[in-house]
Amino acid sequence: LASLSWTVQGCANYKFCHCYDDNGMPNDLATNIMCPGNLESRTEFGVTFKECHYYKNYFFLYSALDNCDLRRRCKAAGATGADSSCRSKVE
């Protein structure tokens, strides 16, 4: 039951996300397909990859990248990783 509540609460909104494959490497093609915003280059641990940046602020509301939705969209776009990778959580 504890893991179920973690799963339900595990979804959040982020400004930056990318897809990756089961070998741990970013999947630029899948990221490009699923990205509703701008693609930006990012380098981590010597690997340069494309990252989706999407954040819109509408006065008291915002639109950002939902990591649970992106998990499904990355897989549908051909990424083989278990999840999407996101940063800059929107509170």
Foldseek 3Di string as FASTA:
>chain_A
DVVVVCVVVVKFFAFKKFFAAQVGHTDQQLRVVLAPADWDWDDDPRDIHTMHGDWDDDPPDIDGDIFVVVQVSSVVSPHHHNGMDGDHTDD
